[in-house]
Amino acid sequence: MKSEIKQITIFSVTLFVTLIFSFSAHSQDDTTKNEYQKEFDDFLNNIQQEFKTFKSKNDSVFYQFLQENWKEFELFKDQRKAVPKPKIQPRVDTTRTRIKYQEIKPLDKRKT
């Protein structure tokens, strides 16, 4: 009877210790995960901010380039007069007879 109580006691203490370590390890894992997530979020925000700065700088340079060179392009505009369209549009002559095509027949099959 004493050995059974001793086994139950050892089992319960082992179970208790295991549970305490698993909970503490889980909480440490969560804090580590939160630290990594925070570090990643900071990195992501930094990269996004750098990209926005880069994009706005390049967009402004490109916009300025277009403003300066578009004026040069307008110098080459075509100043031809517009050709008027005919008042009476041409029509297809449907009175002609249509061409009849011969039907193509396949060759006789030969035995090989």
C-alpha atoms as a PDB file:
ATOM      1  CA  MET A   1       0.000   0.000   0.000  1.00  0.00           C
ATOM      2  CA  LYS A   2       2.853   2.363   0.801  1.00  0.00           C
ATOM      3  CA  SER A   3       4.478   1.617  -2.558  1.00  0.00           C
ATOM      4  CA  GLU A   4       1.215   2.505  -4.350  1.00  0.00           C
ATOM      5  CA  ILE A   5       0.986   5.820  -2.493  1.00  0.00           C
ATOM      6  CA  LYS A   6       4.642   6.447  -3.239  1.00  0.00           C
ATOM      7  CA  GLN A   7       4.075   5.737  -6.972  1.00  0.00           C
ATOM      8  CA  ILE A   8       0.984   7.981  -7.061  1.00  0.00           C
ATOM      9  CA  THR A   9       2.893  10.738  -5.277  1.00  0.00           C
ATOM     10  CA  ILE A  10       5.847  10.479  -7.673  1.00  0.00           C
ATOM     11  CA  PHE A  11       3.481  10.453 -10.632  1.00  0.00           C
ATOM     12  CA  SER A  12       1.554  13.500  -9.408  1.00  0.00           C
ATOM     13  CA  VAL A  13       4.760  15.431  -8.647  1.00  0.00           C
ATOM     14  CA  THR A  14       6.168  14.521 -12.068  1.00  0.00           C
ATOM     15  CA  LEU A  15       2.925  15.572 -13.736  1.00  0.00           C
ATOM     16  CA  PHE A  16       2.867  18.844 -11.792  1.00  0.00           C
ATOM     17  CA  VAL A  17       6.476  19.664 -12.662  1.00  0.00           C
ATOM     18  CA  THR A  18       5.888  18.793 -16.312  1.00  0.00           C
ATOM     19  CA  LEU A  19       2.837  21.034 -16.471  1.00  0.00           C
ATOM     20  CA  ILE A  20       4.656  23.947 -14.839  1.00  0.00           C
ATOM     21  CA  PHE A  21       7.591  23.646 -17.245  1.00  0.00           C
ATOM     22  CA  SER A  22       5.330  23.342 -20.270  1.00  0.00           C
ATOM     23  CA  PHE A  23       3.361  26.451 -19.272  1.00  0.00           C
ATOM     24  CA  SER A  24       6.495  28.442 -18.559  1.00  0.00           C
ATOM     25  CA  ALA A  25       8.098  27.285 -21.816  1.00  0.00           C
ATOM     26  CA  HIS A  26       4.925  28.182 -23.698  1.00  0.00           C
ATOM     27  CA  SER A  27       4.836  31.658 -22.194  1.00  0.00           C
ATOM     28  CA  GLN A  28       8.520  32.156 -23.041  1.00  0.00           C
ATOM     29  CA  ASP A  29       7.818  30.957 -26.566  1.00  0.00           C
ATOM     30  CA  ASP A  30       5.016  33.531 -26.870  1.00  0.00           C
ATOM     31  CA  THR A  31       7.244  36.348 -25.682  1.00  0.00           C
ATOM     32  CA  THR A  32       9.990  35.284 -28.096  1.00  0.00           C
ATOM     33  CA  LYS A  33       7.453  35.063 -30.888  1.00  0.00           C
ATOM     34  CA  ASN A  34       6.117  38.512 -29.992  1.00  0.00           C
ATOM     35  CA  GLU A  35       9.646  39.932 -29.981  1.00  0.00           C
ATOM     36  CA  TYR A  36      10.354  38.460 -33.419  1.00  0.00           C
ATOM     37  CA  GLN A  37       7.010  39.718 -34.713  1.00  0.00           C
ATOM     38  CA  LYS A  38       7.715  43.207 -33.348  1.00  0.00           C
ATOM     39  CA  GLU A  39      11.185  43.186 -34.888  1.00  0.00           C
ATOM     40  CA  PHE A  40       9.765  42.067 -38.234  1.00  0.00           C
ATOM     41  CA  ASP A  41       7.020  44.725 -38.102  1.00  0.00           C
ATOM     42  CA  ASP A  42       9.626  47.417 -37.413  1.00  0.00           C
ATOM     43  CA  PHE A  43      11.724  46.141 -40.318  1.00  0.00           C
ATOM     44  CA  LEU A  44       8.689  46.057 -42.627  1.00  0.00           C
ATOM     45  CA  ASN A  45       7.636  49.592 -41.688  1.00  0.00           C
ATOM     46  CA  ASN A  46      11.183  50.827 -42.254  1.00  0.00           C
ATOM     47  CA  ILE A  47      11.377  49.200 -45.700  1.00  0.00           C
ATOM     48  CA  GLN A  48       7.947  50.574 -46.674  1.00  0.00           C
ATOM     49  CA  GLN A  49       8.939  54.065 -45.585  1.00  0.00           C
ATOM     50  CA  GLU A  50      12.192  53.864 -47.570  1.00  0.00           C
ATOM     51  CA  PHE A  51      10.240  52.718 -50.629  1.00  0.00           C
ATOM     52  CA  LYS A  52       7.720  55.564 -50.306  1.00  0.00           C
ATOM     53  CA  THR A  53      10.582  58.066 -50.080  1.00  0.00           C
ATOM     54  CA  PHE A  54      12.315  56.515 -53.092  1.00  0.00           C
ATOM     55  CA  LYS A  55       9.092  56.427 -55.113  1.00  0.00           C
ATOM     56  CA  SER A  56       8.089  60.010 -54.364  1.00  0.00           C
ATOM     57  CA  LYS A  57      11.593  61.248 -55.259  1.00  0.00           C
ATOM     58  CA  ASN A  58      11.663  59.362 -58.555  1.00  0.00           C
ATOM     59  CA  ASP A  59       8.084  60.336 -59.407  1.00  0.00           C
ATOM     60  CA  SER A  60       8.906  64.010 -58.934  1.00  0.00           C
ATOM     61  CA  VAL A  61      12.034  63.681 -61.113  1.00  0.00           C
ATOM     62  CA  PHE A  62      10.040  61.889 -63.811  1.00  0.00           C
ATOM     63  CA  TYR A  63       7.234  64.479 -63.650  1.00  0.00           C
ATOM     64  CA  GLN A  64       9.750  67.290 -64.084  1.00  0.00           C
ATOM     65  CA  PHE A  65      11.336  65.423 -67.011  1.00  0.00           C
ATOM     66  CA  LEU A  66       7.950  65.105 -68.708  1.00  0.00           C
ATOM     67  CA  GLN A  67       7.139  68.774 -68.236  1.00  0.00           C
ATOM     68  CA  GLU A  68      10.412  69.859 -69.821  1.00  0.00           C
ATOM     69  CA  ASN A  69      10.420  67.409 -72.740  1.00  0.00           C
ATOM     70  CA  TRP A  70       6.725  67.469 -73.566  1.00  0.00           C
ATOM     71  CA  LYS A  71       7.073  71.071 -74.772  1.00  0.00           C
ATOM     72  CA  GLU A  72       9.779  69.921 -77.163  1.00  0.00           C
ATOM     73  CA  PHE A  73       7.518  67.172 -78.439  1.00  0.00           C
ATOM     74  CA  GLU A  74       4.692  69.632 -79.169  1.00  0.00           C
ATOM     75  CA  LEU A  75       7.011  71.396 -81.644  1.00  0.00           C
ATOM     76  CA  PHE A  76       6.777  68.377 -83.927  1.00  0.00           C
ATOM     77  CA  LYS A  77       2.969  68.428 -84.168  1.00  0.00           C
ATOM     78  CA  ASP A  78       1.572  67.718 -87.598  1.00  0.00           C
ATOM     79  CA  GLN A  79      -0.213  70.783 -88.970  1.00  0.00           C
ATOM     80  CA  ARG A  80      -1.808  69.164 -92.044  1.00  0.00           C
ATOM     81  CA  LYS A  81      -5.293  70.077 -93.110  1.00  0.00           C
ATOM     82  CA  ALA A  82      -8.004  67.520 -92.487  1.00  0.00           C
ATOM     83  CA  VAL A  83      -9.218  65.773 -95.646  1.00  0.00           C
ATOM     84  CA  PRO A  84     -13.032  65.915 -95.878  1.00  0.00           C
ATOM     85  CA  LYS A  85     -14.931  62.648 -96.089  1.00  0.00           C
ATOM     86  CA  PRO A  86     -17.083  62.011 -99.164  1.00  0.00           C
ATOM     87  CA  LYS A  87     -20.726  63.016 -98.789  1.00  0.00           C
ATOM     88  CA  ILE A  88     -21.966  59.853-100.483  1.00  0.00           C
ATOM     89  CA  GLN A  89     -20.328  56.745 -99.066  1.00  0.00           C
ATOM     90  CA  PRO A  90     -19.367  54.011-101.572  1.00  0.00           C
ATOM     91  CA  ARG A  91     -21.503  50.872-101.623  1.00  0.00           C
ATOM     92  CA  VAL A  92     -20.804  47.284-102.647  1.00  0.00           C
ATOM     93  CA  ASP A  93     -22.341  46.094-105.881  1.00  0.00           C
ATOM     94  CA  THR A  94     -24.481  43.106-104.884  1.00  0.00           C
ATOM     95  CA  THR A  95     -25.909  42.460-108.364  1.00  0.00           C
ATOM     96  CA  ARG A  96     -22.834  40.548-109.525  1.00  0.00           C
ATOM     97  CA  THR A  97     -23.093  36.782-109.614  1.00  0.00           C
ATOM     98  CA  ARG A  98     -21.128  34.944-107.063  1.00  0.00           C
ATOM     99  CA  ILE A  99     -18.358  32.562-108.041  1.00  0.00           C
ATOM    100  CA  LYS A 100     -19.234  28.908-107.588  1.00  0.00           C
ATOM    101  CA  TYR A 101     -16.485  26.719-106.316  1.00  0.00           C
ATOM    102  CA  GLN A 102     -16.129  23.034-107.098  1.00  0.00           C
ATOM    103  CA  GLU A 103     -16.489  20.648-104.256  1.00  0.00           C
ATOM    104  CA  ILE A 104     -13.299  18.795-103.474  1.00  0.00           C
ATOM    105  CA  LYS A 105     -13.843  15.065-103.194  1.00  0.00           C
ATOM    106  CA  PRO A 106     -11.450  12.823-101.301  1.00  0.00           C
ATOM    107  CA  LEU A 107      -9.498  10.167-103.176  1.00  0.00           C
ATOM    108  CA  ASP A 108     -10.626   6.589-103.077  1.00  0.00           C
ATOM    109  CA  LYS A 109      -9.076   4.667-100.244  1.00  0.00           C
ATOM    110  CA  ARG A 110      -6.664   1.988-101.359  1.00  0.00           C
ATOM    111  CA  LYS A 111      -6.041  -1.231 -99.573  1.00  0.00           C
ATOM    112  CA  THR A 112      -2.509  -1.611 -98.414  1.00  0.00           C
END
